[in-house]
Amino acid sequence: MAIIDMTIIPLGTETPSMSHYVADIHKILDNHKDRVTYQLTPMSTLIEGELSDLLELVKELHEVPFDKGIQRVCTNLRIDDRRDKKHTMAGKLASVQSKIEG
């Protein structure tokens, strides 16, 4: 199980607002919720699942701004791929929370 922190940045847009691109990306993510878990944050989107599935999905999501007429897109990824034990977004948060309450 891997977690990817993903930011897709369309360049050369008419306005500084990105919310409609993010909404379109999340519509696609919703179609894949049988394979991945995802979470929107104020600065990025987190997706969780099998690494091969996630990378295939990132490729599809990277195309969203191009499909809207944008000519240049930068996609930033951070991949957390832990193989010594199962980990999830919820589990990572719970681990930190337990130490805060500690």
N, C-alpha and C. Protein backbone atom coordinates (compact mmCIF):
# COMPACT_ATOMS: atom_id res chain seq x y z
N MET A 1 0.86 -1.18 0.00
CA MET A 1 0.00 0.00 0.00
C MET A 1 0.90 1.23 0.00
N ALA A 2 0.64 2.16 -0.89
CA ALA A 2 1.41 3.39 -1.00
C ALA A 2 0.49 4.59 -0.85
N ILE A 3 1.09 5.70 -0.51
CA ILE A 3 0.37 6.98 -0.43
C ILE A 3 1.12 7.96 -1.31
N ILE A 4 0.37 8.66 -2.17
CA ILE A 4 0.97 9.69 -3.02
C ILE A 4 0.33 11.03 -2.67
N ASP A 5 1.19 12.01 -2.45
CA ASP A 5 0.78 13.40 -2.27
C ASP A 5 0.97 14.06 -3.63
N MET A 6 -0.12 14.51 -4.24
CA MET A 6 -0.11 14.95 -5.64
C MET A 6 -0.64 16.37 -5.77
N THR A 7 0.08 17.16 -6.55
CA THR A 7 -0.38 18.50 -6.92
C THR A 7 -0.25 18.63 -8.43
N ILE A 8 -1.36 18.90 -9.09
CA ILE A 8 -1.37 19.09 -10.54
C ILE A 8 -1.56 20.58 -10.80
N ILE A 9 -0.61 21.18 -11.52
CA ILE A 9 -0.59 22.63 -11.70
C ILE A 9 -0.70 22.97 -13.19
N PRO A 10 -1.86 23.43 -13.63
CA PRO A 10 -1.98 23.90 -15.01
C PRO A 10 -1.34 25.28 -15.14
N LEU A 11 -0.53 25.46 -16.15
CA LEU A 11 0.14 26.75 -16.37
C LEU A 11 -0.51 27.49 -17.54
N GLY A 12 -0.57 28.80 -17.43
CA GLY A 12 -1.13 29.61 -18.51
C GLY A 12 -2.64 29.68 -18.48
N THR A 13 -3.23 29.61 -17.30
CA THR A 13 -4.69 29.68 -17.18
C THR A 13 -5.14 31.14 -17.24
N GLU A 14 -6.40 31.35 -17.56
CA GLU A 14 -6.95 32.70 -17.68
C GLU A 14 -7.08 33.40 -16.34
N THR A 15 -7.30 32.65 -15.26
CA THR A 15 -7.44 33.23 -13.92
C THR A 15 -6.54 32.47 -12.95
N PRO A 16 -6.28 33.04 -11.78
CA PRO A 16 -5.47 32.32 -10.79
C PRO A 16 -6.23 31.20 -10.08
N SER A 17 -7.53 31.09 -10.25
CA SER A 17 -8.33 30.07 -9.58
C SER A 17 -8.07 28.69 -10.19
N MET A 18 -7.91 27.71 -9.32
CA MET A 18 -7.66 26.33 -9.76
C MET A 18 -8.79 25.39 -9.37
N SER A 19 -9.79 25.88 -8.64
CA SER A 19 -10.79 24.99 -8.05
C SER A 19 -11.55 24.16 -9.09
N HIS A 20 -11.81 24.71 -10.27
CA HIS A 20 -12.56 23.91 -11.26
C HIS A 20 -11.70 22.76 -11.80
N TYR A 21 -10.38 22.94 -11.89
CA TYR A 21 -9.50 21.84 -12.29
C TYR A 21 -9.47 20.77 -11.20
N VAL A 22 -9.38 21.21 -9.95
CA VAL A 22 -9.37 20.28 -8.83
C VAL A 22 -10.68 19.50 -8.79
N ALA A 23 -11.78 20.17 -9.01
CA ALA A 23 -13.09 19.50 -9.01
C ALA A 23 -13.15 18.44 -10.11
N ASP A 24 -12.65 18.75 -11.29
CA ASP A 24 -12.65 17.78 -12.39
C ASP A 24 -11.78 16.56 -12.04
N ILE A 25 -10.65 16.81 -11.40
CA ILE A 25 -9.76 15.73 -10.98
C ILE A 25 -10.46 14.85 -9.95
N HIS A 26 -11.18 15.47 -9.02
CA HIS A 26 -11.86 14.68 -7.99
C HIS A 26 -13.06 13.92 -8.53
N LYS A 27 -13.65 14.38 -9.61
CA LYS A 27 -14.70 13.59 -10.25
C LYS A 27 -14.12 12.29 -10.81
N ILE A 28 -12.94 12.37 -11.38
CA ILE A 28 -12.28 11.17 -11.89
C ILE A 28 -11.88 10.25 -10.73
N LEU A 29 -11.34 10.84 -9.66
CA LEU A 29 -10.98 10.04 -8.49
C LEU A 29 -12.20 9.29 -7.95
N ASP A 30 -13.33 9.96 -7.95
CA ASP A 30 -14.55 9.33 -7.45
C ASP A 30 -14.92 8.09 -8.27
N ASN A 31 -14.58 8.12 -9.55
CA ASN A 31 -14.85 6.96 -10.41
C ASN A 31 -13.92 5.78 -10.12
N HIS A 32 -12.84 6.03 -9.36
CA HIS A 32 -11.85 4.99 -9.05
C HIS A 32 -11.84 4.63 -7.57
N LYS A 33 -12.89 5.00 -6.84
CA LYS A 33 -12.86 4.76 -5.40
C LYS A 33 -12.91 3.29 -5.03
N ASP A 34 -13.15 2.42 -5.99
CA ASP A 34 -13.06 0.98 -5.72
C ASP A 34 -11.61 0.52 -5.63
N ARG A 35 -10.68 1.30 -6.20
CA ARG A 35 -9.25 0.95 -6.21
C ARG A 35 -8.41 1.80 -5.28
N VAL A 36 -8.84 3.04 -5.03
CA VAL A 36 -8.02 3.97 -4.25
C VAL A 36 -8.86 4.72 -3.23
N THR A 37 -8.18 5.17 -2.20
CA THR A 37 -8.76 6.09 -1.22
C THR A 37 -8.12 7.43 -1.50
N TYR A 38 -8.87 8.51 -1.36
CA TYR A 38 -8.28 9.82 -1.60
C TYR A 38 -8.80 10.84 -0.60
N GLN A 39 -8.00 11.89 -0.44
CA GLN A 39 -8.35 12.95 0.49
C GLN A 39 -7.89 14.28 -0.08
N LEU A 40 -8.81 15.20 -0.22
CA LEU A 40 -8.48 16.56 -0.65
C LEU A 40 -7.95 17.33 0.55
N THR A 41 -6.85 18.05 0.36
CA THR A 41 -6.33 18.96 1.39
C THR A 41 -6.30 20.36 0.77
N PRO A 42 -6.07 21.39 1.56
CA PRO A 42 -6.04 22.74 0.99
C PRO A 42 -4.94 22.96 -0.05
N MET A 43 -3.89 22.13 -0.02
CA MET A 43 -2.75 22.36 -0.91
C MET A 43 -2.48 21.23 -1.90
N SER A 44 -3.11 20.08 -1.71
CA SER A 44 -2.83 18.94 -2.58
C SER A 44 -3.93 17.90 -2.40
N THR A 45 -3.76 16.78 -3.09
CA THR A 45 -4.65 15.63 -2.93
C THR A 45 -3.79 14.44 -2.58
N LEU A 46 -4.24 13.66 -1.60
CA LEU A 46 -3.57 12.42 -1.23
C LEU A 46 -4.35 11.26 -1.81
N ILE A 47 -3.64 10.30 -2.38
CA ILE A 47 -4.28 9.09 -2.88
C ILE A 47 -3.54 7.88 -2.31
N GLU A 48 -4.30 6.85 -2.00
CA GLU A 48 -3.76 5.68 -1.32
C GLU A 48 -4.22 4.43 -2.04
N GLY A 49 -3.31 3.50 -2.25
CA GLY A 49 -3.64 2.25 -2.90
C GLY A 49 -2.39 1.51 -3.31
N GLU A 50 -2.54 0.55 -4.20
CA GLU A 50 -1.38 -0.17 -4.74
C GLU A 50 -0.61 0.78 -5.65
N LEU A 51 0.70 0.78 -5.51
CA LEU A 51 1.53 1.74 -6.24
C LEU A 51 1.29 1.72 -7.74
N SER A 52 1.19 0.55 -8.33
CA SER A 52 0.98 0.47 -9.78
C SER A 52 -0.34 1.12 -10.18
N ASP A 53 -1.40 0.90 -9.38
CA ASP A 53 -2.69 1.54 -9.64
C ASP A 53 -2.59 3.05 -9.51
N LEU A 54 -1.88 3.51 -8.47
CA LEU A 54 -1.75 4.95 -8.24
C LEU A 54 -1.01 5.64 -9.38
N LEU A 55 0.07 5.04 -9.83
CA LEU A 55 0.84 5.67 -10.91
C LEU A 55 0.05 5.72 -12.21
N GLU A 56 -0.71 4.68 -12.48
CA GLU A 56 -1.58 4.68 -13.66
C GLU A 56 -2.63 5.79 -13.54
N LEU A 57 -3.19 5.95 -12.35
CA LEU A 57 -4.20 6.98 -12.11
C LEU A 57 -3.61 8.38 -12.20
N VAL A 58 -2.40 8.57 -11.68
CA VAL A 58 -1.74 9.89 -11.78
C VAL A 58 -1.58 10.29 -13.24
N LYS A 59 -1.23 9.35 -14.08
CA LYS A 59 -1.08 9.64 -15.51
C LYS A 59 -2.41 10.14 -16.09
N GLU A 60 -3.50 9.48 -15.72
CA GLU A 60 -4.83 9.91 -16.18
C GLU A 60 -5.18 11.30 -15.65
N LEU A 61 -4.90 11.55 -14.39
CA LEU A 61 -5.23 12.84 -13.78
C LEU A 61 -4.38 13.97 -14.34
N HIS A 62 -3.14 13.67 -14.67
CA HIS A 62 -2.24 14.67 -15.27
C HIS A 62 -2.80 15.20 -16.59
N GLU A 63 -3.59 14.39 -17.26
CA GLU A 63 -4.16 14.78 -18.56
C GLU A 63 -5.36 15.72 -18.44
N VAL A 64 -5.96 15.82 -17.25
CA VAL A 64 -7.19 16.61 -17.09
C VAL A 64 -7.03 18.06 -17.59
N PRO A 65 -6.01 18.81 -17.16
CA PRO A 65 -5.89 20.18 -17.67
C PRO A 65 -5.65 20.24 -19.19
N PHE A 66 -4.90 19.27 -19.72
CA PHE A 66 -4.69 19.23 -21.17
C PHE A 66 -6.03 19.06 -21.89
N ASP A 67 -6.89 18.21 -21.33
CA ASP A 67 -8.21 18.00 -21.93
C ASP A 67 -9.07 19.26 -21.89
N LYS A 68 -8.72 20.20 -21.02
CA LYS A 68 -9.44 21.49 -20.91
C LYS A 68 -8.77 22.59 -21.73
N GLY A 69 -7.78 22.24 -22.54
CA GLY A 69 -7.15 23.21 -23.43
C GLY A 69 -5.86 23.83 -22.92
N ILE A 70 -5.42 23.45 -21.73
CA ILE A 70 -4.15 23.96 -21.20
C ILE A 70 -3.01 23.33 -21.98
N GLN A 71 -1.97 24.11 -22.25
CA GLN A 71 -0.85 23.63 -23.06
C GLN A 71 0.35 23.15 -22.26
N ARG A 72 0.37 23.49 -20.94
CA ARG A 72 1.49 23.06 -20.10
C ARG A 72 0.98 22.73 -18.70
N VAL A 73 1.41 21.57 -18.18
CA VAL A 73 0.98 21.10 -16.87
C VAL A 73 2.20 20.57 -16.12
N CYS A 74 2.34 21.00 -14.87
CA CYS A 74 3.38 20.47 -13.99
C CYS A 74 2.70 19.67 -12.88
N THR A 75 3.12 18.44 -12.69
CA THR A 75 2.57 17.60 -11.65
C THR A 75 3.68 17.22 -10.68
N ASN A 76 3.45 17.54 -9.41
CA ASN A 76 4.41 17.22 -8.35
C ASN A 76 3.88 16.04 -7.54
N LEU A 77 4.77 15.07 -7.27
CA LEU A 77 4.40 13.88 -6.50
C LEU A 77 5.39 13.64 -5.38
N ARG A 78 4.86 13.19 -4.25
CA ARG A 78 5.66 12.60 -3.18
C ARG A 78 5.07 11.24 -2.92
N ILE A 79 5.89 10.21 -2.92
CA ILE A 79 5.41 8.85 -2.75
C ILE A 79 5.94 8.29 -1.43
N ASP A 80 5.03 7.79 -0.60
CA ASP A 80 5.38 7.09 0.63
C ASP A 80 5.00 5.63 0.41
N ASP A 81 5.98 4.79 0.19
CA ASP A 81 5.76 3.37 -0.12
C ASP A 81 6.46 2.54 0.94
N ARG A 82 5.73 2.21 1.98
CA ARG A 82 6.30 1.45 3.10
C ARG A 82 5.99 -0.02 2.92
N ARG A 83 7.02 -0.87 3.02
CA ARG A 83 6.83 -2.29 2.74
C ARG A 83 7.08 -3.20 3.94
N ASP A 84 7.49 -2.63 5.07
CA ASP A 84 7.72 -3.48 6.23
C ASP A 84 6.43 -3.78 6.99
N LYS A 85 5.42 -2.93 6.81
CA LYS A 85 4.12 -3.18 7.43
C LYS A 85 3.07 -2.36 6.68
N LYS A 86 1.82 -2.76 6.84
CA LYS A 86 0.74 -2.04 6.19
C LYS A 86 0.57 -0.68 6.86
N HIS A 87 0.42 0.35 6.04
CA HIS A 87 0.12 1.67 6.59
C HIS A 87 -0.89 2.37 5.71
N THR A 88 -1.67 3.23 6.35
CA THR A 88 -2.71 3.98 5.65
C THR A 88 -2.65 5.43 6.08
N MET A 89 -3.35 6.29 5.36
CA MET A 89 -3.42 7.69 5.76
C MET A 89 -4.02 7.80 7.15
N ALA A 90 -5.11 7.07 7.39
CA ALA A 90 -5.79 7.12 8.68
C ALA A 90 -4.87 6.60 9.79
N GLY A 91 -4.13 5.56 9.50
CA GLY A 91 -3.22 5.00 10.49
C GLY A 91 -2.09 5.94 10.85
N LYS A 92 -1.57 6.64 9.85
CA LYS A 92 -0.51 7.61 10.12
C LYS A 92 -1.02 8.75 11.00
N LEU A 93 -2.22 9.22 10.72
CA LEU A 93 -2.80 10.28 11.55
C LEU A 93 -3.07 9.80 12.97
N ALA A 94 -3.58 8.59 13.10
CA ALA A 94 -3.86 8.03 14.42
C ALA A 94 -2.58 7.88 15.23
N SER A 95 -1.48 7.50 14.60
CA SER A 95 -0.22 7.35 15.29
C SER A 95 0.27 8.67 15.86
N VAL A 96 0.19 9.71 15.07
CA VAL A 96 0.59 11.04 15.55
C VAL A 96 -0.34 11.51 16.66
N GLN A 97 -1.63 11.33 16.46
CA GLN A 97 -2.62 11.78 17.47
C GLN A 97 -2.39 11.08 18.81
N SER A 98 -2.04 9.79 18.78
CA SER A 98 -1.80 9.07 20.03
C SER A 98 -0.59 9.63 20.76
N LYS A 99 0.38 10.13 20.04
CA LYS A 99 1.56 10.71 20.66
C LYS A 99 1.28 12.12 21.19
N ILE A 100 0.38 12.84 20.53
CA ILE A 100 -0.02 14.16 21.02
C ILE A 100 -0.75 14.02 22.34
N GLU A 101 -1.65 13.05 22.40
CA GLU A 101 -2.46 12.83 23.59
C GLU A 101 -1.67 12.13 24.69
N GLY A 102 -0.58 11.49 24.27
CA GLY A 102 0.28 10.73 25.02
C GLY A 102 0.53 10.49 26.35
